[in-house]
């Protein structure tokens, strides 16, 4: 099992910056992709940014050039640096990972989510 703990959410004015961090713990064979999703009121949860274990990255078009994702494989952490924040970035942000879990002789890839952290961008 994998436990994800997020930190770094809060309130900021438009144009400001925030950094979200997520630490994974538990029993797993490997963490494949790690990333961040967000869900605004009345909307579906959507990918913000993702990074593979090989550090390839993928960003939503709406955050390209403003948000930057990184990971520390030794510490099992993923970080999202958010710059030039806009009011439309307001949402609950969820950390996500695809973890390889060994069960007996088999390796299974399972999805795990953090509890979510609120990001509010408002003047």
N, C-alpha and C. Protein backbone atom coordinates (compact mmCIF):
# COMPACT_ATOMS: atom_id res chain seq x y z
N UNK A 1 0.84 -1.18 0.00
CA UNK A 1 0.00 0.00 0.00
C UNK A 1 0.87 1.23 0.00
N UNK A 2 0.32 2.32 -0.56
CA UNK A 2 1.04 3.59 -0.66
C UNK A 2 0.22 4.68 0.01
N UNK A 3 0.88 5.47 0.81
CA UNK A 3 0.24 6.61 1.47
C UNK A 3 0.88 7.89 0.95
N UNK A 4 0.04 8.80 0.43
CA UNK A 4 0.53 10.07 -0.11
C UNK A 4 0.12 11.21 0.80
N UNK A 5 1.06 12.04 1.18
CA UNK A 5 0.79 13.19 2.04
C UNK A 5 1.20 14.46 1.31
N UNK A 6 0.24 15.36 1.11
CA UNK A 6 0.48 16.61 0.40
C UNK A 6 0.68 17.75 1.38
N UNK A 7 1.39 18.76 0.92
CA UNK A 7 1.57 19.98 1.70
C UNK A 7 1.80 21.15 0.75
N UNK A 8 1.57 22.37 1.25
CA UNK A 8 1.91 23.56 0.48
C UNK A 8 0.75 24.32 -0.11
N UNK A 9 -0.46 23.87 0.04
CA UNK A 9 -1.59 24.63 -0.49
C UNK A 9 -1.81 25.90 0.31
N UNK A 10 -2.73 26.72 -0.16
CA UNK A 10 -3.04 27.96 0.54
C UNK A 10 -3.68 28.97 -0.37
N UNK A 11 -3.66 30.22 0.07
CA UNK A 11 -4.26 31.32 -0.69
C UNK A 11 -3.18 32.27 -1.18
N UNK A 12 -3.38 32.77 -2.38
CA UNK A 12 -2.39 33.67 -2.97
C UNK A 12 -3.12 34.60 -3.93
N UNK A 13 -2.54 35.77 -4.15
CA UNK A 13 -3.12 36.72 -5.10
C UNK A 13 -2.74 36.33 -6.52
N UNK A 14 -3.53 36.76 -7.51
CA UNK A 14 -3.16 36.50 -8.90
C UNK A 14 -1.75 37.00 -9.20
N UNK A 15 -1.01 36.18 -9.94
CA UNK A 15 0.38 36.50 -10.24
C UNK A 15 1.37 35.93 -9.26
N UNK A 16 0.87 35.42 -8.14
CA UNK A 16 1.74 34.87 -7.12
C UNK A 16 2.17 33.45 -7.42
N UNK A 17 2.91 32.88 -6.47
CA UNK A 17 3.46 31.54 -6.62
C UNK A 17 3.16 30.69 -5.39
N UNK A 18 3.05 29.41 -5.61
CA UNK A 18 2.92 28.43 -4.55
C UNK A 18 3.68 27.17 -4.95
N UNK A 19 4.14 26.43 -3.96
CA UNK A 19 4.79 25.15 -4.22
C UNK A 19 4.06 24.07 -3.46
N UNK A 20 3.64 23.03 -4.19
CA UNK A 20 3.01 21.87 -3.58
C UNK A 20 4.02 20.73 -3.53
N UNK A 21 3.99 20.02 -2.41
CA UNK A 21 4.87 18.87 -2.25
C UNK A 21 4.04 17.65 -1.85
N UNK A 22 4.53 16.50 -2.25
CA UNK A 22 3.84 15.24 -1.93
C UNK A 22 4.90 14.19 -1.62
N UNK A 23 4.71 13.52 -0.49
CA UNK A 23 5.64 12.46 -0.09
C UNK A 23 4.91 11.13 -0.05
N UNK A 24 5.52 10.13 -0.65
CA UNK A 24 4.94 8.79 -0.67
C UNK A 24 5.64 7.90 0.34
N UNK A 25 4.85 7.11 1.03
CA UNK A 25 5.41 6.14 1.96
C UNK A 25 4.60 4.85 1.88
N UNK A 26 5.17 3.79 2.44
CA UNK A 26 4.46 2.51 2.43
C UNK A 26 5.30 1.42 1.83
N UNK A 27 4.65 0.38 1.41
CA UNK A 27 5.32 -0.79 0.87
C UNK A 27 5.02 -0.90 -0.62
N UNK A 28 6.01 -0.67 -1.44
CA UNK A 28 5.81 -0.74 -2.88
C UNK A 28 7.11 -1.15 -3.55
N UNK A 29 6.97 -1.72 -4.73
CA UNK A 29 8.13 -2.15 -5.49
C UNK A 29 8.77 -0.97 -6.21
N UNK A 30 7.91 -0.08 -6.76
CA UNK A 30 8.41 1.07 -7.51
C UNK A 30 7.27 2.07 -7.68
N UNK A 31 7.63 3.33 -7.77
CA UNK A 31 6.65 4.35 -8.13
C UNK A 31 6.88 4.72 -9.59
N UNK A 32 5.92 4.46 -10.42
CA UNK A 32 6.04 4.79 -11.83
C UNK A 32 5.77 6.28 -12.01
N UNK A 33 4.70 6.66 -12.64
CA UNK A 33 4.37 8.07 -12.80
C UNK A 33 3.92 8.67 -11.47
N UNK A 34 4.30 9.90 -11.25
CA UNK A 34 3.79 10.70 -10.13
C UNK A 34 3.28 12.00 -10.72
N UNK A 35 2.24 12.54 -10.11
CA UNK A 35 1.72 13.77 -10.69
C UNK A 35 0.69 14.45 -9.82
N UNK A 36 0.13 15.48 -10.40
CA UNK A 36 -0.88 16.31 -9.73
C UNK A 36 -2.10 16.46 -10.61
N UNK A 37 -3.25 16.31 -10.01
CA UNK A 37 -4.54 16.56 -10.63
C UNK A 37 -5.21 17.66 -9.83
N UNK A 38 -6.22 18.28 -10.42
CA UNK A 38 -7.00 19.27 -9.68
C UNK A 38 -8.47 19.16 -10.02
N UNK A 39 -9.27 19.58 -9.06
CA UNK A 39 -10.72 19.56 -9.26
C UNK A 39 -11.30 20.86 -8.72
N UNK A 40 -11.88 21.63 -9.61
CA UNK A 40 -12.56 22.87 -9.24
C UNK A 40 -14.03 22.56 -9.00
N UNK A 41 -14.71 23.41 -8.24
CA UNK A 41 -16.14 23.17 -7.96
C UNK A 41 -16.95 23.01 -9.24
N UNK A 42 -17.73 21.95 -9.30
CA UNK A 42 -18.57 21.72 -10.46
C UNK A 42 -17.88 21.14 -11.67
N UNK A 43 -16.58 20.83 -11.53
CA UNK A 43 -15.81 20.30 -12.66
C UNK A 43 -15.23 18.93 -12.31
N UNK A 44 -14.84 18.20 -13.35
CA UNK A 44 -14.22 16.91 -13.13
C UNK A 44 -12.75 17.08 -12.77
N UNK A 45 -12.21 16.08 -12.08
CA UNK A 45 -10.79 16.08 -11.77
C UNK A 45 -10.00 15.94 -13.07
N UNK A 46 -8.95 16.74 -13.20
CA UNK A 46 -8.19 16.77 -14.45
C UNK A 46 -6.70 16.81 -14.16
N UNK A 47 -5.94 16.24 -15.08
CA UNK A 47 -4.48 16.23 -14.94
C UNK A 47 -3.92 17.65 -15.03
N UNK A 48 -3.00 17.96 -14.13
CA UNK A 48 -2.27 19.22 -14.18
C UNK A 48 -0.87 18.96 -14.73
N UNK A 49 -0.16 18.03 -14.11
CA UNK A 49 1.20 17.73 -14.54
C UNK A 49 1.57 16.33 -14.06
N UNK A 50 2.43 15.67 -14.83
CA UNK A 50 2.83 14.31 -14.50
C UNK A 50 4.30 14.13 -14.86
N UNK A 51 4.98 13.30 -14.08
CA UNK A 51 6.39 13.01 -14.35
C UNK A 51 6.62 11.52 -14.15
N UNK A 52 7.33 10.93 -15.11
CA UNK A 52 7.60 9.49 -15.02
C UNK A 52 8.83 9.25 -14.15
N UNK A 53 9.10 7.98 -13.88
CA UNK A 53 10.28 7.65 -13.10
C UNK A 53 11.55 8.00 -13.85
N UNK A 54 11.43 8.11 -15.16
CA UNK A 54 12.56 8.54 -15.97
C UNK A 54 12.61 10.03 -16.17
N UNK A 55 11.75 10.76 -15.49
CA UNK A 55 11.66 12.22 -15.46
C UNK A 55 11.14 12.85 -16.74
N UNK A 56 10.43 12.11 -17.59
CA UNK A 56 9.69 12.73 -18.68
C UNK A 56 8.46 13.41 -18.09
N UNK A 57 8.11 14.57 -18.62
CA UNK A 57 7.02 15.34 -18.05
C UNK A 57 5.90 15.56 -19.06
N UNK A 58 4.71 15.81 -18.50
CA UNK A 58 3.52 16.09 -19.31
C UNK A 58 2.71 17.13 -18.55
N UNK A 59 2.27 18.18 -19.24
CA UNK A 59 1.53 19.27 -18.61
C UNK A 59 0.21 19.53 -19.33
N UNK A 60 -0.79 19.94 -18.57
CA UNK A 60 -2.00 20.45 -19.18
C UNK A 60 -1.66 21.73 -19.94
N UNK A 61 -2.33 21.95 -21.05
CA UNK A 61 -2.03 23.14 -21.85
C UNK A 61 -2.19 24.42 -21.05
N UNK A 62 -3.15 24.44 -20.14
CA UNK A 62 -3.46 25.66 -19.38
C UNK A 62 -2.35 26.06 -18.41
N UNK A 63 -1.43 25.15 -18.10
CA UNK A 63 -0.38 25.47 -17.12
C UNK A 63 1.03 25.46 -17.72
N UNK A 64 1.14 25.12 -18.99
CA UNK A 64 2.45 25.07 -19.63
C UNK A 64 3.15 26.43 -19.53
N UNK A 65 4.41 26.39 -19.14
CA UNK A 65 5.19 27.62 -19.00
C UNK A 65 5.01 28.32 -17.67
N UNK A 66 4.03 27.89 -16.87
CA UNK A 66 3.81 28.50 -15.55
C UNK A 66 4.08 27.52 -14.42
N UNK A 67 3.75 26.25 -14.63
CA UNK A 67 3.92 25.22 -13.60
C UNK A 67 5.08 24.31 -13.99
N UNK A 68 5.79 23.83 -12.97
CA UNK A 68 6.93 22.95 -13.23
C UNK A 68 6.91 21.82 -12.21
N UNK A 69 7.00 20.60 -12.70
CA UNK A 69 6.95 19.42 -11.84
C UNK A 69 8.33 18.78 -11.76
N UNK A 70 8.66 18.29 -10.59
CA UNK A 70 9.93 17.59 -10.41
C UNK A 70 9.73 16.48 -9.37
N UNK A 71 10.67 15.55 -9.33
CA UNK A 71 10.57 14.47 -8.34
C UNK A 71 11.95 14.10 -7.84
N UNK A 72 11.97 13.56 -6.64
CA UNK A 72 13.19 13.05 -6.03
C UNK A 72 12.95 11.58 -5.78
N UNK A 73 13.51 10.73 -6.62
CA UNK A 73 13.24 9.30 -6.52
C UNK A 73 13.82 8.70 -5.24
N UNK A 74 14.89 9.26 -4.75
CA UNK A 74 15.49 8.74 -3.52
C UNK A 74 14.59 9.00 -2.31
N UNK A 75 13.85 10.11 -2.35
CA UNK A 75 12.98 10.48 -1.23
C UNK A 75 11.51 10.17 -1.50
N UNK A 76 11.21 9.68 -2.70
CA UNK A 76 9.83 9.37 -3.09
C UNK A 76 8.92 10.60 -2.94
N UNK A 77 9.39 11.72 -3.45
CA UNK A 77 8.61 12.94 -3.38
C UNK A 77 8.41 13.53 -4.77
N UNK A 78 7.33 14.28 -4.91
CA UNK A 78 7.06 15.03 -6.14
C UNK A 78 6.65 16.44 -5.75
N UNK A 79 7.13 17.40 -6.52
CA UNK A 79 6.91 18.81 -6.21
C UNK A 79 6.33 19.51 -7.42
N UNK A 80 5.37 20.40 -7.18
CA UNK A 80 4.79 21.21 -8.25
C UNK A 80 5.02 22.68 -7.91
N UNK A 81 5.86 23.32 -8.70
CA UNK A 81 6.10 24.76 -8.55
C UNK A 81 5.10 25.48 -9.44
N UNK A 82 4.26 26.31 -8.84
CA UNK A 82 3.21 27.02 -9.58
C UNK A 82 3.51 28.51 -9.56
N UNK A 83 3.72 29.08 -10.73
CA UNK A 83 4.03 30.49 -10.88
C UNK A 83 2.93 31.20 -11.68
N UNK A 84 2.92 32.51 -11.59
CA UNK A 84 1.95 33.33 -12.35
C UNK A 84 0.55 32.77 -12.20
N UNK A 85 0.17 32.52 -10.98
CA UNK A 85 -1.12 31.89 -10.71
C UNK A 85 -2.27 32.78 -11.14
N UNK A 86 -3.33 32.13 -11.63
CA UNK A 86 -4.53 32.82 -12.10
C UNK A 86 -5.72 32.37 -11.25
N UNK A 87 -6.78 33.16 -11.28
CA UNK A 87 -7.97 32.80 -10.51
C UNK A 87 -8.51 31.44 -10.95
N UNK A 88 -8.35 31.13 -12.23
CA UNK A 88 -8.87 29.85 -12.72
C UNK A 88 -8.03 28.65 -12.28
N UNK A 89 -6.92 28.89 -11.60
CA UNK A 89 -6.14 27.80 -11.01
C UNK A 89 -6.71 27.35 -9.66
N UNK A 90 -7.69 28.09 -9.17
CA UNK A 90 -8.31 27.73 -7.89
C UNK A 90 -8.95 26.35 -7.98
N UNK A 91 -8.58 25.47 -7.07
CA UNK A 91 -9.08 24.10 -7.08
C UNK A 91 -8.50 23.34 -5.89
N UNK A 92 -9.00 22.14 -5.69
CA UNK A 92 -8.35 21.20 -4.79
C UNK A 92 -7.35 20.40 -5.63
N UNK A 93 -6.12 20.36 -5.19
CA UNK A 93 -5.05 19.68 -5.92
C UNK A 93 -4.77 18.34 -5.24
N UNK A 94 -4.71 17.29 -6.05
CA UNK A 94 -4.50 15.94 -5.55
C UNK A 94 -3.20 15.37 -6.09
N UNK A 95 -2.42 14.81 -5.21
CA UNK A 95 -1.23 14.08 -5.61
C UNK A 95 -1.66 12.67 -6.06
N UNK A 96 -0.99 12.16 -7.07
CA UNK A 96 -1.33 10.84 -7.61
C UNK A 96 -0.06 10.08 -7.96
N UNK A 97 -0.11 8.77 -7.80
CA UNK A 97 0.98 7.94 -8.28
C UNK A 97 0.46 6.62 -8.80
N UNK A 98 1.17 6.08 -9.77
CA UNK A 98 0.97 4.71 -10.23
C UNK A 98 2.08 3.88 -9.59
N UNK A 99 1.71 3.05 -8.65
CA UNK A 99 2.71 2.31 -7.88
C UNK A 99 2.70 0.84 -8.26
N UNK A 100 3.88 0.29 -8.39
CA UNK A 100 4.03 -1.15 -8.62
C UNK A 100 4.09 -1.83 -7.26
N UNK A 101 3.10 -2.68 -7.01
CA UNK A 101 2.96 -3.35 -5.73
C UNK A 101 3.19 -4.84 -5.94
N UNK A 102 4.05 -5.42 -5.14
CA UNK A 102 4.28 -6.85 -5.25
C UNK A 102 3.31 -7.59 -4.36
N UNK A 103 2.59 -8.52 -4.96
CA UNK A 103 1.66 -9.37 -4.22
C UNK A 103 1.97 -10.81 -4.58
N UNK A 104 2.65 -11.48 -3.66
CA UNK A 104 3.11 -12.83 -3.96
C UNK A 104 4.16 -12.79 -5.04
N UNK A 105 3.92 -13.56 -6.11
CA UNK A 105 4.87 -13.58 -7.22
C UNK A 105 4.53 -12.57 -8.30
N UNK A 106 3.46 -11.80 -8.09
CA UNK A 106 2.97 -10.91 -9.12
C UNK A 106 3.27 -9.45 -8.75
N UNK A 107 3.50 -8.64 -9.79
CA UNK A 107 3.62 -7.18 -9.64
C UNK A 107 2.38 -6.55 -10.24
N UNK A 108 1.66 -5.77 -9.45
CA UNK A 108 0.46 -5.09 -9.91
C UNK A 108 0.71 -3.58 -9.91
N UNK A 109 0.18 -2.88 -10.89
CA UNK A 109 0.25 -1.42 -10.93
C UNK A 109 -1.08 -0.86 -10.47
N UNK A 110 -1.06 -0.10 -9.38
CA UNK A 110 -2.28 0.44 -8.79
C UNK A 110 -2.19 1.95 -8.66
N UNK A 111 -3.34 2.61 -8.68
CA UNK A 111 -3.41 4.06 -8.53
C UNK A 111 -3.66 4.43 -7.07
N UNK A 112 -2.93 5.45 -6.61
CA UNK A 112 -3.11 5.97 -5.27
C UNK A 112 -3.25 7.48 -5.31
N UNK A 113 -4.06 8.01 -4.37
CA UNK A 113 -4.35 9.45 -4.32
C UNK A 113 -4.07 10.00 -2.93
N UNK A 114 -3.65 11.25 -2.90
CA UNK A 114 -3.56 11.97 -1.65
C UNK A 114 -4.93 12.49 -1.25
N UNK A 115 -4.98 13.15 -0.09
CA UNK A 115 -6.25 13.63 0.45
C UNK A 115 -6.69 14.95 -0.19
N UNK A 116 -5.79 15.60 -0.88
CA UNK A 116 -6.12 16.87 -1.54
C UNK A 116 -5.71 18.06 -0.70
N UNK A 117 -5.29 19.12 -1.39
CA UNK A 117 -4.94 20.37 -0.72
C UNK A 117 -5.54 21.53 -1.51
N UNK A 118 -6.13 22.48 -0.80
CA UNK A 118 -6.83 23.58 -1.44
C UNK A 118 -5.84 24.66 -1.90
N UNK A 119 -6.00 25.09 -3.13
CA UNK A 119 -5.28 26.24 -3.67
C UNK A 119 -6.32 27.27 -4.09
N UNK A 120 -6.22 28.46 -3.52
CA UNK A 120 -7.16 29.54 -3.82
C UNK A 120 -6.38 30.74 -4.34
N UNK A 121 -6.74 31.19 -5.53
CA UNK A 121 -6.11 32.36 -6.13
C UNK A 121 -7.17 33.44 -6.23
N UNK A 122 -6.98 34.49 -5.46
CA UNK A 122 -8.01 35.53 -5.38
C UNK A 122 -7.39 36.85 -4.97
N UNK A 123 -7.95 37.94 -5.49
CA UNK A 123 -7.49 39.25 -5.09
C UNK A 123 -8.33 39.78 -3.93
